[in-house]
Amino acid sequence: MIGALSVIWLLPLVGAILIAFLPPHFAKYMAVIVSLTALFVAAYVAVLFAPDYHRFQFTETLPWIPQLHVFYRLGVDGISLWLVLLNAFLTTIALLATPLSTKNVSRFLALMLAMSAGMAGVLMATDLVLFYVFWEAMLIPAYFLLWLFGEGSRPGWAALKFVLYTLAGSLLMLVGVIGEYIVTGRQTFDLSKLATLAPSPSMQFGLFFVFALAFAIKTPLFPFHSWLPDAYNAAPIPMLITFAGVMGKAGAYGFLRIAVPLFPQPVDWWDWRWVIPVLAVAAIIWGALMALVQSDMKMLVS
């Protein structure tokens, strides 16, 4: 039986496949119904969520590649629950805000739903390999949305820059996933168990470094941020709603979900645990100064 969490990401994905071939008016009507249904399921999970229970809730586990200890594992906790709800809510708002005059609007709506499905999967995956798969899956529709429906003078360049930066981050994360598989003795990819199997301090620093770089690019932290203004400026308004509202949080979520609990030694090391806060504060101050002089709303958001 499909659980509630599977419905939250599967429903938009299946809906996207069907909606891509529907007439515009009917496509938007169905897209909104699909997103509202996913929002209702996410709200149902939020209402039944037990705040005093300190483990993943609504968990689902199915064998995927058992020979490599890879499982389809989903769950939510206090970190991910509200982001899942936010993703479903903003997707509904973005679809409602999509004008029917949009070129190939059915495909646009389908890609928006597919991106929402990928982002929901990232927020609910509790298996490291599954997290990586969803991470890649959410980037693919985002690239095509920028490439095919981007606005401004150079949407193709913005899409290319976005994919090059995110590809670099994805390759670094893949190195980290493989490294974690090797150094933990090939026991598990379960995030809750990996948190209790911390490798040696030297290996922790290496693995933390590659994961931190991948998440820093996606956050994005200075100096890995130059893709963001071009991508935000090129993104259509409905896409920007979820692009900035949810996908922009994926990098920070990755730090909290993977980098911090799996590699505690680098986080606690006094000599360099100031690096990320300093970069974050610098980005806040610099971003605020840049926002002061913007006359374009998209650039103000970026």
Protein backbone atom coordinates (compact mmCIF):
# COMPACT_ATOMS: atom_id res chain seq x y z
CA MET A 1 0.00 0.00 0.00
CA ILE A 2 1.35 3.44 -0.91
CA GLY A 3 1.97 5.61 2.13
CA ALA A 4 1.11 9.28 2.57
CA LEU A 5 4.67 10.44 1.89
CA SER A 6 4.87 8.51 -1.37
CA VAL A 7 1.62 10.12 -2.47
CA ILE A 8 3.08 13.60 -1.87
CA TRP A 9 5.77 13.12 -4.54
CA LEU A 10 4.23 10.45 -6.78
CA LEU A 11 0.96 12.29 -7.37
CA PRO A 12 2.62 15.41 -8.90
CA LEU A 13 4.95 13.23 -10.98
CA VAL A 14 2.18 11.06 -12.43
CA GLY A 15 0.03 14.15 -12.90
CA ALA A 16 2.87 15.86 -14.76
CA ILE A 17 3.12 13.00 -17.26
CA LEU A 18 -0.60 13.17 -18.02
CA ILE A 19 -0.98 16.96 -17.96
CA ALA A 20 1.79 17.48 -20.53
CA PHE A 21 -0.56 16.17 -23.24
CA LEU A 22 -3.79 17.92 -22.21
CA PRO A 23 -5.33 21.07 -23.77
CA PRO A 24 -4.29 24.28 -21.97
CA HIS A 25 -7.49 25.05 -20.01
CA PHE A 26 -7.97 21.45 -18.93
CA ALA A 27 -4.25 21.11 -18.15
CA LYS A 28 -4.30 24.04 -15.72
CA TYR A 29 -7.50 22.80 -14.10
CA MET A 30 -6.03 19.33 -13.55
CA ALA A 31 -2.65 20.71 -12.43
CA VAL A 32 -4.29 22.76 -9.70
CA ILE A 33 -6.37 19.76 -8.58
CA VAL A 34 -3.24 17.58 -8.41
CA SER A 35 -1.30 20.19 -6.43
CA LEU A 36 -4.22 20.80 -4.06
CA THR A 37 -4.50 17.06 -3.43
CA ALA A 38 -0.77 16.86 -2.65
CA LEU A 39 -1.18 19.89 -0.36
CA PHE A 40 -4.09 18.20 1.42
CA VAL A 41 -2.01 15.05 2.02
CA ALA A 42 0.92 17.16 3.28
CA ALA A 43 -1.45 19.01 5.63
CA TYR A 44 -2.82 15.66 6.83
CA VAL A 45 0.74 14.57 7.68
CA ALA A 46 1.37 17.87 9.49
CA VAL A 47 -1.80 17.55 11.57
CA LEU A 48 -0.94 13.99 12.67
CA PHE A 49 2.75 14.79 13.26
CA ALA A 50 3.83 14.15 16.86
CA PRO A 51 6.22 16.96 17.88
CA ASP A 52 7.51 15.10 20.96
CA TYR A 53 8.63 12.06 18.95
CA HIS A 54 12.32 12.50 18.12
CA ARG A 55 12.64 10.15 15.16
CA PHE A 56 11.41 10.08 11.59
CA GLN A 57 7.65 9.73 11.33
CA PHE A 58 5.33 8.29 8.64
CA THR A 59 8.30 6.14 7.60
CA GLU A 60 8.18 3.95 4.50
CA THR A 61 10.79 1.33 3.65
CA LEU A 62 10.96 -0.88 0.57
CA PRO A 63 13.89 -2.86 -0.91
CA TRP A 64 15.44 -1.11 -3.89
CA ILE A 65 18.98 -2.45 -4.40
CA PRO A 66 19.34 -4.67 -1.33
CA GLN A 67 22.65 -6.11 -2.54
CA LEU A 68 24.16 -2.63 -2.05
CA HIS A 69 22.05 -1.87 1.05
CA VAL A 70 20.06 0.74 -0.87
CA PHE A 71 16.42 1.06 0.17
CA TYR A 72 13.50 3.27 -0.70
CA ARG A 73 13.17 5.07 2.63
CA LEU A 74 10.98 8.07 3.33
CA GLY A 75 10.26 9.91 6.56
CA VAL A 76 9.69 13.38 7.98
CA ASP A 77 10.84 15.06 11.15
CA GLY A 78 10.71 18.57 12.57
CA ILE A 79 13.31 19.79 10.05
CA SER A 80 11.60 18.57 6.90
CA LEU A 81 7.88 18.57 7.71
CA TRP A 82 7.22 22.28 7.23
CA LEU A 83 9.38 22.46 4.13
CA VAL A 84 7.30 19.64 2.61
CA LEU A 85 4.15 21.60 3.42
CA LEU A 86 5.70 24.80 2.05
CA ASN A 87 6.62 23.04 -1.19
CA ALA A 88 3.06 21.78 -1.73
CA PHE A 89 1.57 25.18 -0.85
CA LEU A 90 3.85 27.26 -3.08
CA THR A 91 3.43 24.83 -5.97
CA THR A 92 -0.33 25.39 -5.80
CA ILE A 93 0.17 29.17 -5.75
CA ALA A 94 2.60 28.98 -8.69
CA LEU A 95 0.21 26.91 -10.79
CA LEU A 96 -2.67 29.27 -10.06
CA ALA A 97 -0.42 32.17 -11.10
CA THR A 98 0.48 30.57 -14.45
CA PRO A 99 -1.27 32.44 -17.28
CA LEU A 100 -2.92 30.37 -19.99
CA SER A 101 -1.19 32.60 -22.52
CA THR A 102 2.13 30.96 -21.63
CA LYS A 103 3.68 29.24 -24.64
CA ASN A 104 3.20 25.45 -24.39
CA VAL A 105 1.46 26.01 -21.07
CA SER A 106 0.63 22.30 -20.63
CA ARG A 107 4.29 21.36 -20.72
CA PHE A 108 5.16 24.27 -18.45
CA LEU A 109 2.64 23.05 -15.86
CA ALA A 110 3.94 19.50 -16.21
CA LEU A 111 7.53 20.58 -15.59
CA MET A 112 6.43 22.61 -12.56
CA LEU A 113 4.75 19.55 -11.08
CA ALA A 114 7.78 17.38 -11.85
CA MET A 115 10.06 19.88 -10.12
CA SER A 116 7.73 19.91 -7.12
CA ALA A 117 7.85 16.10 -6.98
CA GLY A 118 11.66 16.13 -6.97
CA MET A 119 11.84 18.76 -4.24
CA ALA A 120 9.35 16.82 -2.09
CA GLY A 121 11.48 13.69 -2.52
CA VAL A 122 14.63 15.52 -1.42
CA LEU A 123 12.87 16.68 1.74
CA MET A 124 11.47 13.23 2.61
CA ALA A 125 14.27 10.85 1.61
CA THR A 126 16.00 9.17 4.57
CA ASP A 127 18.31 7.02 2.46
CA LEU A 128 21.48 8.72 1.23
CA VAL A 129 21.30 7.24 -2.29
CA LEU A 130 17.60 8.05 -2.59
CA PHE A 131 18.36 11.60 -1.44
CA TYR A 132 20.92 11.91 -4.23
CA VAL A 133 18.50 10.55 -6.83
CA PHE A 134 15.79 13.02 -5.83
CA TRP A 135 18.39 15.81 -5.74
CA GLU A 136 19.24 15.14 -9.39
CA ALA A 137 15.58 14.67 -10.30
CA MET A 138 14.56 18.11 -9.00
CA LEU A 139 17.28 19.82 -11.07
CA ILE A 140 16.26 18.34 -14.45
CA PRO A 141 12.82 20.04 -14.78
CA ALA A 142 14.32 23.27 -13.39
CA TYR A 143 16.88 23.27 -16.21
CA PHE A 144 14.22 22.72 -18.89
CA LEU A 145 11.97 25.40 -17.37
CA LEU A 146 14.81 27.91 -17.64
CA TRP A 147 15.86 26.76 -21.10
CA LEU A 148 12.44 26.47 -22.74
CA PHE A 149 10.44 29.12 -20.85
CA GLY A 150 13.11 31.50 -19.58
CA GLU A 151 12.69 35.24 -19.92
CA GLY A 152 15.12 38.06 -20.53
CA SER A 153 17.87 38.41 -23.09
CA ARG A 154 19.84 35.22 -22.34
CA PRO A 155 17.68 32.47 -20.83
CA GLY A 156 19.81 29.80 -22.54
CA TRP A 157 22.94 31.13 -20.86
CA ALA A 158 21.17 31.24 -17.49
CA ALA A 159 20.05 27.62 -17.91
CA LEU A 160 23.55 26.52 -18.94
CA LYS A 161 25.16 28.34 -16.02
CA PHE A 162 22.63 26.80 -13.64
CA VAL A 163 23.25 23.28 -14.89
CA LEU A 164 27.05 23.64 -14.86
CA TYR A 165 27.12 24.84 -11.28
CA THR A 166 24.62 22.27 -10.08
CA LEU A 167 26.37 19.51 -12.04
CA ALA A 168 29.61 20.34 -10.25
CA GLY A 169 27.80 20.14 -6.93
CA SER A 170 26.11 16.87 -7.91
CA LEU A 171 29.40 15.24 -8.87
CA LEU A 172 30.91 16.30 -5.55
CA MET A 173 27.93 14.82 -3.73
CA LEU A 174 28.26 11.57 -5.68
CA VAL A 175 31.89 11.35 -4.55
CA GLY A 176 30.67 11.83 -0.98
CA VAL A 177 27.98 9.15 -1.30
CA ILE A 178 30.48 6.63 -2.67
CA GLY A 179 33.02 7.62 -0.01
CA GLU A 180 30.46 7.16 2.76
CA TYR A 181 29.60 3.72 1.35
CA ILE A 182 33.25 2.67 1.48
CA VAL A 183 34.38 4.11 4.80
CA THR A 184 31.37 2.81 6.76
CA GLY A 185 32.10 -0.74 5.65
CA ARG A 186 29.24 -0.87 3.13
CA GLN A 187 26.69 -1.42 5.88
CA THR A 188 23.86 0.99 5.18
CA PHE A 189 22.70 4.22 3.54
CA ASP A 190 20.03 4.80 6.19
CA LEU A 191 20.63 8.38 7.39
CA SER A 192 19.54 7.64 10.96
CA LYS A 193 22.04 4.77 11.18
CA LEU A 194 24.81 6.62 9.36
CA ALA A 195 24.66 9.27 12.09
CA THR A 196 25.85 6.57 14.52
CA LEU A 197 28.61 5.28 12.20
CA ALA A 198 30.86 8.32 12.04
CA PRO A 199 34.13 7.47 10.25
CA SER A 200 37.57 8.48 11.46
CA PRO A 201 38.17 12.24 11.96
CA SER A 202 40.37 12.49 8.86
CA MET A 203 37.75 10.80 6.67
CA GLN A 204 35.03 12.96 8.20
CA PHE A 205 36.85 16.10 7.11
CA GLY A 206 37.18 14.82 3.54
CA LEU A 207 33.55 13.73 3.26
CA PHE A 208 32.24 16.86 4.97
CA PHE A 209 34.24 18.95 2.52
CA VAL A 210 32.69 17.43 -0.62
CA PHE A 211 29.15 17.47 0.77
CA ALA A 212 29.59 21.02 2.10
CA LEU A 213 30.81 22.24 -1.31
CA ALA A 214 27.82 20.62 -3.03
CA PHE A 215 25.37 22.23 -0.60
CA ALA A 216 27.23 25.56 -0.65
CA ILE A 217 26.74 25.76 -4.43
CA LYS A 218 23.03 25.08 -4.10
CA THR A 219 22.43 27.38 -1.11
CA PRO A 220 24.29 29.35 -2.60
CA LEU A 221 27.04 30.57 -0.29
CA PHE A 222 29.59 33.15 -1.39
CA PRO A 223 31.61 32.70 -3.62
CA PHE A 224 29.48 30.00 -5.33
CA HIS A 225 26.49 32.29 -5.87
CA SER A 226 27.03 33.79 -9.32
CA TRP A 227 24.57 31.42 -11.03
CA LEU A 228 21.68 32.67 -8.91
CA PRO A 229 21.04 36.20 -10.28
CA ASP A 230 21.03 34.95 -13.88
CA ALA A 231 18.73 32.03 -13.04
CA TYR A 232 16.29 34.12 -11.00
CA ASN A 233 16.21 36.83 -13.65
CA ALA A 234 15.46 34.29 -16.39
CA ALA A 235 12.89 32.28 -14.40
CA PRO A 236 9.22 32.90 -15.26
CA ILE A 237 7.30 34.33 -12.31
CA PRO A 238 5.40 31.09 -11.46
CA MET A 239 8.68 29.15 -11.50
CA LEU A 240 10.38 31.79 -9.37
CA ILE A 241 7.79 31.25 -6.64
CA THR A 242 8.97 27.69 -6.00
CA PHE A 243 12.51 28.21 -7.28
CA ALA A 244 13.23 30.84 -4.63
CA GLY A 245 10.70 29.66 -2.05
CA VAL A 246 11.67 26.00 -1.83
CA MET A 247 14.59 24.99 -4.05
CA GLY A 248 16.62 27.87 -2.65
CA LYS A 249 16.36 26.16 0.75
CA ALA A 250 17.61 22.77 -0.47
CA GLY A 251 21.28 23.53 0.13
CA ALA A 252 20.71 24.69 3.73
CA TYR A 253 18.49 21.66 4.29
CA GLY A 254 21.30 19.42 3.01
CA PHE A 255 23.65 20.89 5.60
CA LEU A 256 21.17 20.17 8.39
CA ARG A 257 20.12 16.73 7.14
CA ILE A 258 23.46 15.28 6.02
CA ALA A 259 26.61 17.34 6.61
CA VAL A 260 26.03 18.18 10.29
CA PRO A 261 24.68 14.89 11.72
CA LEU A 262 26.85 12.54 9.63
CA PHE A 263 30.17 14.36 10.16
CA PRO A 264 30.15 15.90 13.65
CA GLN A 265 33.93 16.21 13.99
CA PRO A 266 34.41 19.02 11.42
CA VAL A 267 31.34 20.84 12.73
CA ASP A 268 32.75 20.84 16.29
CA TRP A 269 36.30 21.73 15.28
CA TRP A 270 36.84 25.21 16.68
CA ASP A 271 39.51 26.25 14.18
CA TRP A 272 37.17 26.30 11.20
CA ARG A 273 33.57 26.04 12.33
CA TRP A 274 33.41 29.84 11.93
CA VAL A 275 33.87 29.57 8.14
CA ILE A 276 30.27 28.85 7.12
CA PRO A 277 28.68 31.37 9.54
CA VAL A 278 31.08 34.08 8.35
CA LEU A 279 30.31 33.32 4.70
CA ALA A 280 26.59 33.28 5.46
CA VAL A 281 26.68 36.62 7.28
CA ALA A 282 28.81 38.13 4.50
CA ALA A 283 26.24 36.96 1.96
CA ILE A 284 23.39 38.47 4.01
CA ILE A 285 25.11 41.87 4.27
CA TRP A 286 26.30 41.94 0.66
CA GLY A 287 22.93 40.73 -0.60
CA ALA A 288 21.15 43.44 1.36
CA LEU A 289 23.42 46.13 -0.11
CA MET A 290 22.83 44.75 -3.61
CA ALA A 291 19.06 44.69 -3.03
CA LEU A 292 19.05 48.37 -2.09
CA VAL A 293 19.97 49.45 -5.62
CA GLN A 294 17.73 47.06 -7.58
CA SER A 295 14.83 48.40 -9.62
CA ASP A 296 13.75 44.99 -10.97
CA MET A 297 11.67 42.76 -8.70
CA LYS A 298 13.35 39.53 -9.86
CA MET A 299 16.79 40.93 -9.18
CA LEU A 300 15.57 42.18 -5.82
CA VAL A 301 14.50 38.64 -4.93
CA SER A 302 17.80 37.17 -6.16
